[in-house]
Amino acid sequence: MAAKKAVEHSKNFQKVKDYYDRGLWSIDRVYNAVGKWITEAEYYEITGLTYPEK
């Protein structure tokens, strides 16, 4: 069985995810972080929504 490759995230992915999960950031704030702090794929991973869908 092959070893699972670790998923690499943007530098601020965990910070944004934590803020969102704790309710400190709204979905709009996460949306605005795309392209600055996180990628569109990471937006989906955090929110479960396809970017740019709100």
N, C-alpha and C. Protein backbone atom coordinates (compact mmCIF):
# COMPACT_ATOMS: atom_id res chain seq x y z
N MET A 1 0.85 -1.19 0.00
CA MET A 1 0.00 0.00 0.00
C MET A 1 0.89 1.25 0.00
N ALA A 2 0.60 2.18 -0.88
CA ALA A 2 1.39 3.41 -1.00
C ALA A 2 1.07 4.36 0.14
N ALA A 3 2.09 5.09 0.54
CA ALA A 3 1.90 6.09 1.60
C ALA A 3 1.07 7.23 1.05
N LYS A 4 0.20 7.76 1.87
CA LYS A 4 -0.66 8.88 1.47
C LYS A 4 0.16 10.16 1.46
N LYS A 5 0.05 10.90 0.37
CA LYS A 5 0.77 12.16 0.24
C LYS A 5 0.08 13.23 1.08
N ALA A 6 0.85 13.96 1.86
CA ALA A 6 0.31 15.02 2.69
C ALA A 6 -0.17 16.17 1.82
N VAL A 7 -1.33 16.71 2.15
CA VAL A 7 -1.88 17.85 1.40
C VAL A 7 -1.19 19.11 1.90
N GLU A 8 -0.69 19.89 0.95
CA GLU A 8 -0.04 21.15 1.32
C GLU A 8 -1.06 22.28 1.23
N HIS A 9 -1.07 23.11 2.24
CA HIS A 9 -1.99 24.25 2.29
C HIS A 9 -1.20 25.55 2.26
N SER A 10 -1.91 26.62 1.96
CA SER A 10 -1.32 27.95 2.01
C SER A 10 -0.86 28.24 3.43
N LYS A 11 0.03 29.20 3.52
CA LYS A 11 0.61 29.57 4.81
C LYS A 11 -0.46 29.89 5.87
N ASN A 12 -1.53 30.57 5.47
CA ASN A 12 -2.55 31.01 6.42
C ASN A 12 -3.80 30.15 6.45
N PHE A 13 -3.78 29.00 5.77
CA PHE A 13 -4.96 28.14 5.71
C PHE A 13 -5.48 27.80 7.11
N GLN A 14 -4.62 27.30 7.97
CA GLN A 14 -5.07 26.85 9.29
C GLN A 14 -5.64 28.00 10.11
N LYS A 15 -5.04 29.17 9.96
CA LYS A 15 -5.52 30.35 10.69
C LYS A 15 -6.94 30.71 10.23
N VAL A 16 -7.15 30.76 8.91
CA VAL A 16 -8.46 31.10 8.37
C VAL A 16 -9.49 30.05 8.78
N LYS A 17 -9.12 28.77 8.67
CA LYS A 17 -10.03 27.68 9.04
C LYS A 17 -10.41 27.77 10.52
N ASP A 18 -9.44 28.03 11.36
CA ASP A 18 -9.70 28.15 12.79
C ASP A 18 -10.64 29.33 13.08
N TYR A 19 -10.37 30.47 12.48
CA TYR A 19 -11.24 31.64 12.69
C TYR A 19 -12.68 31.34 12.27
N TYR A 20 -12.82 30.69 11.12
CA TYR A 20 -14.17 30.35 10.61
C TYR A 20 -14.84 29.32 11.51
N ASP A 21 -14.12 28.27 11.86
CA ASP A 21 -14.69 27.21 12.70
C ASP A 21 -15.11 27.72 14.08
N ARG A 22 -14.39 28.69 14.61
CA ARG A 22 -14.70 29.25 15.93
C ARG A 22 -15.75 30.35 15.86
N GLY A 23 -16.19 30.69 14.64
CA GLY A 23 -17.22 31.71 14.49
C GLY A 23 -16.70 33.13 14.56
N LEU A 24 -15.39 33.28 14.50
CA LEU A 24 -14.80 34.61 14.55
C LEU A 24 -14.86 35.30 13.19
N TRP A 25 -14.88 34.50 12.12
CA TRP A 25 -14.98 35.02 10.76
C TRP A 25 -16.25 34.51 10.12
N SER A 26 -16.93 35.40 9.40
CA SER A 26 -18.10 35.01 8.62
C SER A 26 -17.63 34.38 7.31
N ILE A 27 -18.56 33.79 6.60
CA ILE A 27 -18.24 33.20 5.30
C ILE A 27 -17.78 34.29 4.32
N ASP A 28 -18.30 35.50 4.47
CA ASP A 28 -17.87 36.60 3.61
C ASP A 28 -16.40 36.95 3.85
N ARG A 29 -15.98 36.86 5.08
CA ARG A 29 -14.57 37.15 5.40
C ARG A 29 -13.67 36.09 4.79
N VAL A 30 -14.08 34.84 4.86
CA VAL A 30 -13.31 33.76 4.23
C VAL A 30 -13.29 33.98 2.72
N TYR A 31 -14.43 34.35 2.15
CA TYR A 31 -14.54 34.64 0.71
C TYR A 31 -13.52 35.72 0.31
N ASN A 32 -13.42 36.75 1.12
CA ASN A 32 -12.51 37.85 0.82
C ASN A 32 -11.04 37.47 0.99
N ALA A 33 -10.77 36.39 1.70
CA ALA A 33 -9.39 35.94 1.91
C ALA A 33 -8.85 35.17 0.70
N VAL A 34 -9.74 34.73 -0.19
CA VAL A 34 -9.31 33.98 -1.38
C VAL A 34 -8.45 34.88 -2.26
N GLY A 35 -7.30 34.35 -2.65
CA GLY A 35 -6.37 35.11 -3.48
C GLY A 35 -5.38 35.92 -2.67
N LYS A 36 -5.69 36.13 -1.40
CA LYS A 36 -4.79 36.87 -0.53
C LYS A 36 -4.14 35.92 0.48
N TRP A 37 -4.96 35.12 1.15
CA TRP A 37 -4.47 34.21 2.19
C TRP A 37 -4.66 32.75 1.83
N ILE A 38 -5.72 32.44 1.09
CA ILE A 38 -6.05 31.05 0.76
C ILE A 38 -6.42 30.93 -0.71
N THR A 39 -6.49 29.68 -1.18
CA THR A 39 -6.88 29.42 -2.58
C THR A 39 -8.37 29.11 -2.65
N GLU A 40 -8.88 29.04 -3.87
CA GLU A 40 -10.29 28.68 -4.07
C GLU A 40 -10.56 27.27 -3.56
N ALA A 41 -9.63 26.35 -3.77
CA ALA A 41 -9.79 24.98 -3.28
C ALA A 41 -9.84 24.94 -1.76
N GLU A 42 -9.04 25.77 -1.12
CA GLU A 42 -9.04 25.83 0.34
C GLU A 42 -10.33 26.46 0.86
N TYR A 43 -10.87 27.43 0.12
CA TYR A 43 -12.17 28.01 0.46
C TYR A 43 -13.21 26.90 0.53
N TYR A 44 -13.21 26.02 -0.48
CA TYR A 44 -14.14 24.89 -0.50
C TYR A 44 -13.90 23.96 0.69
N GLU A 45 -12.65 23.70 0.98
CA GLU A 45 -12.30 22.81 2.09
C GLU A 45 -12.78 23.38 3.43
N ILE A 46 -12.71 24.69 3.58
CA ILE A 46 -13.11 25.34 4.83
C ILE A 46 -14.62 25.45 4.95
N THR A 47 -15.29 25.89 3.86
CA THR A 47 -16.72 26.21 3.93
C THR A 47 -17.64 25.13 3.40
N GLY A 48 -17.12 24.28 2.52
CA GLY A 48 -17.97 23.27 1.87
C GLY A 48 -18.73 23.82 0.69
N LEU A 49 -18.45 25.08 0.33
CA LEU A 49 -19.11 25.73 -0.80
C LEU A 49 -18.10 25.98 -1.91
N THR A 50 -18.58 25.90 -3.15
CA THR A 50 -17.73 26.18 -4.29
C THR A 50 -17.57 27.68 -4.44
N TYR A 51 -16.34 28.14 -4.55
CA TYR A 51 -16.08 29.55 -4.78
C TYR A 51 -16.48 29.88 -6.20
N PRO A 52 -17.17 30.97 -6.49
CA PRO A 52 -17.55 32.13 -5.70
C PRO A 52 -18.95 32.05 -5.12
N GLU A 53 -19.55 30.89 -5.13
CA GLU A 53 -20.87 30.72 -4.54
C GLU A 53 -20.84 31.06 -3.05
N LYS A 54 -21.86 31.79 -2.61
CA LYS A 54 -21.92 32.15 -1.17
C LYS A 54 -23.00 31.37 -0.48
